[in-house]
Amino acid sequence: VLCVFDLFLTFAVLRRLRENTAELD
C-alpha cells in the first residue's frame, strides 16, 4: 500500500514539474 501511495505521489510531482517547467520556459 505504501508503494502504491508513493507511486501516486511520484506521478503528482512529475505532473507538477512539467507544469512548472512550461511556466519557467
PDB file of all heavy atoms in Angstrom:
ATOM      1  N   VAL A   1       0.846  -1.201   0.000  1.00  0.00           N
ATOM      2  CA  VAL A   1       0.000   0.000   0.000  1.00  0.00           C
ATOM      3  C   VAL A   1       0.882   1.252   0.000  1.00  0.00           C
ATOM      4  O   VAL A   1       0.609   2.217  -0.725  1.00  0.00           O
ATOM      5  CB  VAL A   1      -0.958  -0.024   1.215  1.00  0.00           C
ATOM      6  CG1 VAL A   1      -1.634   1.323   1.393  1.00  0.00           C
ATOM      7  CG2 VAL A   1      -2.003  -1.113   1.046  1.00  0.00           C
ATOM      8  N   LEU A   2       1.949   1.233   0.805  1.00  0.00           N
ATOM      9  CA  LEU A   2       2.861   2.375   0.824  1.00  0.00           C
ATOM     10  C   LEU A   2       3.527   2.583  -0.538  1.00  0.00           C
ATOM     11  O   LEU A   2       3.711   3.726  -0.970  1.00  0.00           O
ATOM     12  CB  LEU A   2       3.926   2.197   1.899  1.00  0.00           C
ATOM     13  CG  LEU A   2       3.469   2.455   3.338  1.00  0.00           C
ATOM     14  CD1 LEU A   2       4.586   2.105   4.308  1.00  0.00           C
ATOM     15  CD2 LEU A   2       3.047   3.891   3.509  1.00  0.00           C
ATOM     16  N   CYS A   3       3.876   1.503  -1.204  1.00  0.00           N
ATOM     17  CA  CYS A   3       4.486   1.624  -2.529  1.00  0.00           C
ATOM     18  C   CYS A   3       3.513   2.218  -3.545  1.00  0.00           C
ATOM     19  O   CYS A   3       3.897   3.058  -4.366  1.00  0.00           O
ATOM     20  CB  CYS A   3       4.979   0.252  -3.002  1.00  0.00           C
ATOM     21  SG  CYS A   3       6.457  -0.293  -2.143  1.00  0.00           S
ATOM     22  N   VAL A   4       2.248   1.798  -3.508  1.00  0.00           N
ATOM     23  CA  VAL A   4       1.238   2.344  -4.422  1.00  0.00           C
ATOM     24  C   VAL A   4       1.014   3.828  -4.118  1.00  0.00           C
ATOM     25  O   VAL A   4       0.922   4.661  -5.025  1.00  0.00           O
ATOM     26  CB  VAL A   4      -0.080   1.534  -4.327  1.00  0.00           C
ATOM     27  CG1 VAL A   4      -1.215   2.231  -5.058  1.00  0.00           C
ATOM     28  CG2 VAL A   4       0.119   0.133  -4.877  1.00  0.00           C
ATOM     29  N   PHE A   5       0.938   4.176  -2.822  1.00  0.00           N
ATOM     30  CA  PHE A   5       0.785   5.568  -2.427  1.00  0.00           C
ATOM     31  C   PHE A   5       1.973   6.400  -2.913  1.00  0.00           C
ATOM     32  O   PHE A   5       1.802   7.500  -3.443  1.00  0.00           O
ATOM     33  CB  PHE A   5       0.641   5.661  -0.898  1.00  0.00           C
ATOM     34  CG  PHE A   5       0.480   7.060  -0.397  1.00  0.00           C
ATOM     35  CD1 PHE A   5      -0.689   7.787  -0.628  1.00  0.00           C
ATOM     36  CD2 PHE A   5       1.499   7.679   0.302  1.00  0.00           C
ATOM     37  CE1 PHE A   5      -0.831   9.079  -0.173  1.00  0.00           C
ATOM     38  CE2 PHE A   5       1.369   8.974   0.760  1.00  0.00           C
ATOM     39  CZ  PHE A   5       0.199   9.680   0.523  1.00  0.00           C
ATOM     40  N   ASP A   6       3.168   5.879  -2.749  1.00  0.00           N
ATOM     41  CA  ASP A   6       4.375   6.553  -3.213  1.00  0.00           C
ATOM     42  C   ASP A   6       4.365   6.728  -4.728  1.00  0.00           C
ATOM     43  O   ASP A   6       4.793   7.755  -5.253  1.00  0.00           O
ATOM     44  CB  ASP A   6       5.615   5.780  -2.768  1.00  0.00           C
ATOM     45  CG  ASP A   6       6.899   6.503  -3.120  1.00  0.00           C
ATOM     46  OD1 ASP A   6       6.983   7.715  -2.847  1.00  0.00           O
ATOM     47  OD2 ASP A   6       7.801   5.855  -3.692  1.00  0.00           O
ATOM     48  N   LEU A   7       3.865   5.749  -5.438  1.00  0.00           N
ATOM     49  CA  LEU A   7       3.772   5.825  -6.894  1.00  0.00           C
ATOM     50  C   LEU A   7       2.837   6.968  -7.310  1.00  0.00           C
ATOM     51  O   LEU A   7       3.161   7.744  -8.212  1.00  0.00           O
ATOM     52  CB  LEU A   7       3.285   4.487  -7.456  1.00  0.00           C
ATOM     53  CG  LEU A   7       3.266   4.344  -8.963  1.00  0.00           C
ATOM     54  CD1 LEU A   7       4.685   4.421  -9.506  1.00  0.00           C
ATOM     55  CD2 LEU A   7       2.629   3.027  -9.354  1.00  0.00           C
ATOM     56  N   PHE A   8       1.680   7.100  -6.635  1.00  0.00           N
ATOM     57  CA  PHE A   8       0.758   8.196  -6.938  1.00  0.00           C
ATOM     58  C   PHE A   8       1.387   9.558  -6.619  1.00  0.00           C
ATOM     59  O   PHE A   8       1.233  10.513  -7.381  1.00  0.00           O
ATOM     60  CB  PHE A   8      -0.562   8.035  -6.172  1.00  0.00           C
ATOM     61  CG  PHE A   8      -1.469   7.002  -6.771  1.00  0.00           C
ATOM     62  CD1 PHE A   8      -1.913   5.935  -6.006  1.00  0.00           C
ATOM     63  CD2 PHE A   8      -1.887   7.086  -8.090  1.00  0.00           C
ATOM     64  CE1 PHE A   8      -2.745   4.978  -6.549  1.00  0.00           C
ATOM     65  CE2 PHE A   8      -2.715   6.136  -8.645  1.00  0.00           C
ATOM     66  CZ  PHE A   8      -3.153   5.076  -7.870  1.00  0.00           C
ATOM     67  N   LEU A   9       2.098   9.644  -5.509  1.00  0.00           N
ATOM     68  CA  LEU A   9       2.783  10.888  -5.179  1.00  0.00           C
ATOM     69  C   LEU A   9       3.839  11.238  -6.222  1.00  0.00           C
ATOM     70  O   LEU A   9       3.995  12.400  -6.603  1.00  0.00           O
ATOM     71  CB  LEU A   9       3.441  10.787  -3.803  1.00  0.00           C
ATOM     72  CG  LEU A   9       2.523  10.934  -2.599  1.00  0.00           C
ATOM     73  CD1 LEU A   9       3.315  10.752  -1.316  1.00  0.00           C
ATOM     74  CD2 LEU A   9       1.849  12.285  -2.600  1.00  0.00           C
ATOM     75  N   THR A  10       4.561  10.240  -6.693  1.00  0.00           N
ATOM     76  CA  THR A  10       5.587  10.470  -7.711  1.00  0.00           C
ATOM     77  C   THR A  10       4.960  10.987  -8.996  1.00  0.00           C
ATOM     78  O   THR A  10       5.466  11.935  -9.613  1.00  0.00           O
ATOM     79  CB  THR A  10       6.377   9.177  -7.978  1.00  0.00           C
ATOM     80  OG1 THR A  10       6.955   8.722  -6.759  1.00  0.00           O
ATOM     81  CG2 THR A  10       7.468   9.402  -9.013  1.00  0.00           C
ATOM     82  N   PHE A  11       3.838  10.419  -9.413  1.00  0.00           N
ATOM     83  CA  PHE A  11       3.141  10.894 -10.612  1.00  0.00           C
ATOM     84  C   PHE A  11       2.647  12.340 -10.430  1.00  0.00           C
ATOM     85  O   PHE A  11       2.725  13.152 -11.349  1.00  0.00           O
ATOM     86  CB  PHE A  11       1.974   9.985 -10.986  1.00  0.00           C
ATOM     87  CG  PHE A  11       2.400   8.684 -11.617  1.00  0.00           C
ATOM     88  CD1 PHE A  11       1.768   7.503 -11.271  1.00  0.00           C
ATOM     89  CD2 PHE A  11       3.418   8.636 -12.553  1.00  0.00           C
ATOM     90  CE1 PHE A  11       2.154   6.301 -11.851  1.00  0.00           C
ATOM     91  CE2 PHE A  11       3.800   7.455 -13.136  1.00  0.00           C
ATOM     92  CZ  PHE A  11       3.171   6.274 -12.780  1.00  0.00           C
ATOM     93  N   ALA A  12       2.147  12.659  -9.241  1.00  0.00           N
ATOM     94  CA  ALA A  12       1.682  14.023  -8.976  1.00  0.00           C
ATOM     95  C   ALA A  12       2.849  15.007  -9.043  1.00  0.00           C
ATOM     96  O   ALA A  12       2.721  16.102  -9.609  1.00  0.00           O
ATOM     97  CB  ALA A  12       0.996  14.091  -7.616  1.00  0.00           C
ATOM     98  N   VAL A  13       3.989  14.644  -8.482  1.00  0.00           N
ATOM     99  CA  VAL A  13       5.161  15.512  -8.514  1.00  0.00           C
ATOM    100  C   VAL A  13       5.656  15.692  -9.945  1.00  0.00           C
ATOM    101  O   VAL A  13       6.002  16.797 -10.364  1.00  0.00           O
ATOM    102  CB  VAL A  13       6.279  14.961  -7.594  1.00  0.00           C
ATOM    103  CG1 VAL A  13       7.588  15.677  -7.841  1.00  0.00           C
ATOM    104  CG2 VAL A  13       5.867  15.082  -6.142  1.00  0.00           C
ATOM    105  N   LEU A  14       5.676  14.625 -10.720  1.00  0.00           N
ATOM    106  CA  LEU A  14       6.107  14.732 -12.117  1.00  0.00           C
ATOM    107  C   LEU A  14       5.179  15.634 -12.928  1.00  0.00           C
ATOM    108  O   LEU A  14       5.640  16.432 -13.754  1.00  0.00           O
ATOM    109  CB  LEU A  14       6.196  13.347 -12.752  1.00  0.00           C
ATOM    110  CG  LEU A  14       7.368  12.477 -12.295  1.00  0.00           C
ATOM    111  CD1 LEU A  14       7.236  11.071 -12.888  1.00  0.00           C
ATOM    112  CD2 LEU A  14       8.676  13.096 -12.695  1.00  0.00           C
ATOM    113  N   ARG A  15       3.878  15.508 -12.687  1.00  0.00           N
ATOM    114  CA  ARG A  15       2.928  16.365 -13.397  1.00  0.00           C
ATOM    115  C   ARG A  15       3.164  17.833 -13.034  1.00  0.00           C
ATOM    116  O   ARG A  15       3.188  18.714 -13.885  1.00  0.00           O
ATOM    117  CB  ARG A  15       1.495  15.958 -13.059  1.00  0.00           C
ATOM    118  CG  ARG A  15       0.481  16.747 -13.888  1.00  0.00           C
ATOM    119  CD  ARG A  15      -0.917  16.456 -13.497  1.00  0.00           C
ATOM    120  NE  ARG A  15      -1.059  17.002 -12.141  1.00  0.00           N
ATOM    121  CZ  ARG A  15      -2.075  16.748 -11.325  1.00  0.00           C
ATOM    122  NH1 ARG A  15      -3.023  15.946 -11.702  1.00  0.00           N
ATOM    123  NH2 ARG A  15      -2.136  17.289 -10.142  1.00  0.00           N
ATOM    124  N   ARG A  16       3.376  18.119 -11.751  1.00  0.00           N
ATOM    125  CA  ARG A  16       3.628  19.481 -11.309  1.00  0.00           C
ATOM    126  C   ARG A  16       4.934  20.017 -11.888  1.00  0.00           C
ATOM    127  O   ARG A  16       5.033  21.177 -12.281  1.00  0.00           O
ATOM    128  CB  ARG A  16       3.676  19.521  -9.782  1.00  0.00           C
ATOM    129  CG  ARG A  16       3.944  20.871  -9.185  1.00  0.00           C
ATOM    130  CD  ARG A  16       2.847  21.870  -9.515  1.00  0.00           C
ATOM    131  NE  ARG A  16       1.633  21.541  -8.846  1.00  0.00           N
ATOM    132  CZ  ARG A  16       1.089  22.228  -7.871  1.00  0.00           C
ATOM    133  NH1 ARG A  16       1.678  23.316  -7.462  1.00  0.00           N
ATOM    134  NH2 ARG A  16      -0.033  21.850  -7.333  1.00  0.00           N
ATOM    135  N   LEU A  17       5.958  19.174 -11.974  1.00  0.00           N
ATOM    136  CA  LEU A  17       7.229  19.593 -12.565  1.00  0.00           C
ATOM    137  C   LEU A  17       7.062  19.960 -14.035  1.00  0.00           C
ATOM    138  O   LEU A  17       7.648  20.929 -14.517  1.00  0.00           O
ATOM    139  CB  LEU A  17       8.281  18.505 -12.407  1.00  0.00           C
ATOM    140  CG  LEU A  17       8.957  18.415 -11.042  1.00  0.00           C
ATOM    141  CD1 LEU A  17       9.844  17.179 -10.974  1.00  0.00           C
ATOM    142  CD2 LEU A  17       9.759  19.659 -10.762  1.00  0.00           C
ATOM    143  N   ARG A  18       6.257  19.189 -14.751  1.00  0.00           N
ATOM    144  CA  ARG A  18       6.002  19.509 -16.156  1.00  0.00           C
ATOM    145  C   ARG A  18       5.307  20.859 -16.296  1.00  0.00           C
ATOM    146  O   ARG A  18       5.649  21.662 -17.159  1.00  0.00           O
ATOM    147  CB  ARG A  18       5.147  18.414 -16.811  1.00  0.00           C
ATOM    148  CG  ARG A  18       5.972  17.404 -17.550  1.00  0.00           C
ATOM    149  CD  ARG A  18       5.109  16.466 -18.375  1.00  0.00           C
ATOM    150  NE  ARG A  18       5.271  15.157 -17.764  1.00  0.00           N
ATOM    151  CZ  ARG A  18       4.307  14.405 -17.255  1.00  0.00           C
ATOM    152  NH1 ARG A  18       3.061  14.800 -17.328  1.00  0.00           N
ATOM    153  NH2 ARG A  18       4.554  13.259 -16.706  1.00  0.00           N
ATOM    154  N   GLU A  19       4.316  21.110 -15.432  1.00  0.00           N
ATOM    155  CA  GLU A  19       3.620  22.399 -15.477  1.00  0.00           C
ATOM    156  C   GLU A  19       4.575  23.548 -15.158  1.00  0.00           C
ATOM    157  O   GLU A  19       4.571  24.572 -15.843  1.00  0.00           O
ATOM    158  CB  GLU A  19       2.465  22.407 -14.470  1.00  0.00           C
ATOM    159  CG  GLU A  19       1.325  21.496 -14.832  1.00  0.00           C
ATOM    160  CD  GLU A  19       0.313  21.382 -13.699  1.00  0.00           C
ATOM    161  OE1 GLU A  19       0.502  22.038 -12.640  1.00  0.00           O
ATOM    162  OE2 GLU A  19      -0.654  20.631 -13.866  1.00  0.00           O
ATOM    163  N   ASN A  20       5.380  23.380 -14.126  1.00  0.00           N
ATOM    164  CA  ASN A  20       6.314  24.436 -13.739  1.00  0.00           C
ATOM    165  C   ASN A  20       7.399  24.651 -14.787  1.00  0.00           C
ATOM    166  O   ASN A  20       7.840  25.777 -15.000  1.00  0.00           O
ATOM    167  CB  ASN A  20       6.950  24.119 -12.386  1.00  0.00           C
ATOM    168  CG  ASN A  20       5.972  24.297 -11.244  1.00  0.00           C
ATOM    169  OD1 ASN A  20       4.919  24.891 -11.412  1.00  0.00           O
ATOM    170  ND2 ASN A  20       6.307  23.767 -10.084  1.00  0.00           N
ATOM    171  N   THR A  21       7.842  23.586 -15.428  1.00  0.00           N
ATOM    172  CA  THR A  21       8.854  23.715 -16.474  1.00  0.00           C
ATOM    173  C   THR A  21       8.305  24.532 -17.640  1.00  0.00           C
ATOM    174  O   THR A  21       8.996  25.394 -18.180  1.00  0.00           O
ATOM    175  CB  THR A  21       9.319  22.330 -16.955  1.00  0.00           C
ATOM    176  OG1 THR A  21       9.856  21.620 -15.838  1.00  0.00           O
ATOM    177  CG2 THR A  21      10.366  22.439 -18.035  1.00  0.00           C
ATOM    178  N   ALA A  22       7.059  24.269 -18.010  1.00  0.00           N
ATOM    179  CA  ALA A  22       6.445  25.038 -19.092  1.00  0.00           C
ATOM    180  C   ALA A  22       6.349  26.516 -18.704  1.00  0.00           C
ATOM    181  O   ALA A  22       6.614  27.408 -19.518  1.00  0.00           O
ATOM    182  CB  ALA A  22       5.067  24.486 -19.425  1.00  0.00           C
ATOM    183  N   GLU A  23       5.979  26.786 -17.452  1.00  0.00           N
ATOM    184  CA  GLU A  23       5.880  28.176 -16.998  1.00  0.00           C
ATOM    185  C   GLU A  23       7.261  28.833 -16.957  1.00  0.00           C
ATOM    186  O   GLU A  23       7.417  29.995 -17.364  1.00  0.00           O
ATOM    187  CB  GLU A  23       5.233  28.221 -15.612  1.00  0.00           C
ATOM    188  CG  GLU A  23       5.072  29.600 -15.048  1.00  0.00           C
ATOM    189  CD  GLU A  23       4.062  30.451 -15.809  1.00  0.00           C
ATOM    190  OE1 GLU A  23       3.283  29.927 -16.622  1.00  0.00           O
ATOM    191  OE2 GLU A  23       4.081  31.676 -15.588  1.00  0.00           O
ATOM    192  N   LEU A  24       8.270  28.119 -16.480  1.00  0.00           N
ATOM    193  CA  LEU A  24       9.625  28.672 -16.454  1.00  0.00           C
ATOM    194  C   LEU A  24      10.150  28.930 -17.860  1.00  0.00           C
ATOM    195  O   LEU A  24      10.833  29.929 -18.097  1.00  0.00           O
ATOM    196  CB  LEU A  24      10.570  27.739 -15.703  1.00  0.00           C
ATOM    197  CG  LEU A  24      10.402  27.716 -14.186  1.00  0.00           C
ATOM    198  CD1 LEU A  24      11.282  26.635 -13.581  1.00  0.00           C
ATOM    199  CD2 LEU A  24      10.742  29.060 -13.595  1.00  0.00           C
ATOM    200  N   ASP A  25       9.851  28.034 -18.798  1.00  0.00           N
ATOM    201  CA  ASP A  25      10.263  28.258 -20.187  1.00  0.00           C
ATOM    202  C   ASP A  25       9.614  29.509 -20.753  1.00  0.00           C
ATOM    203  O   ASP A  25      10.237  30.285 -21.474  1.00  0.00           O
ATOM    204  CB  ASP A  25       9.906  27.052 -21.055  1.00  0.00           C
ATOM    205  CG  ASP A  25      10.787  25.845 -20.775  1.00  0.00           C
ATOM    206  OD1 ASP A  25      11.854  26.025 -20.153  1.00  0.00           O
ATOM    207  OD2 ASP A  25      10.404  24.732 -21.173  1.00  0.00           O
TER     208      ASP A  25
END
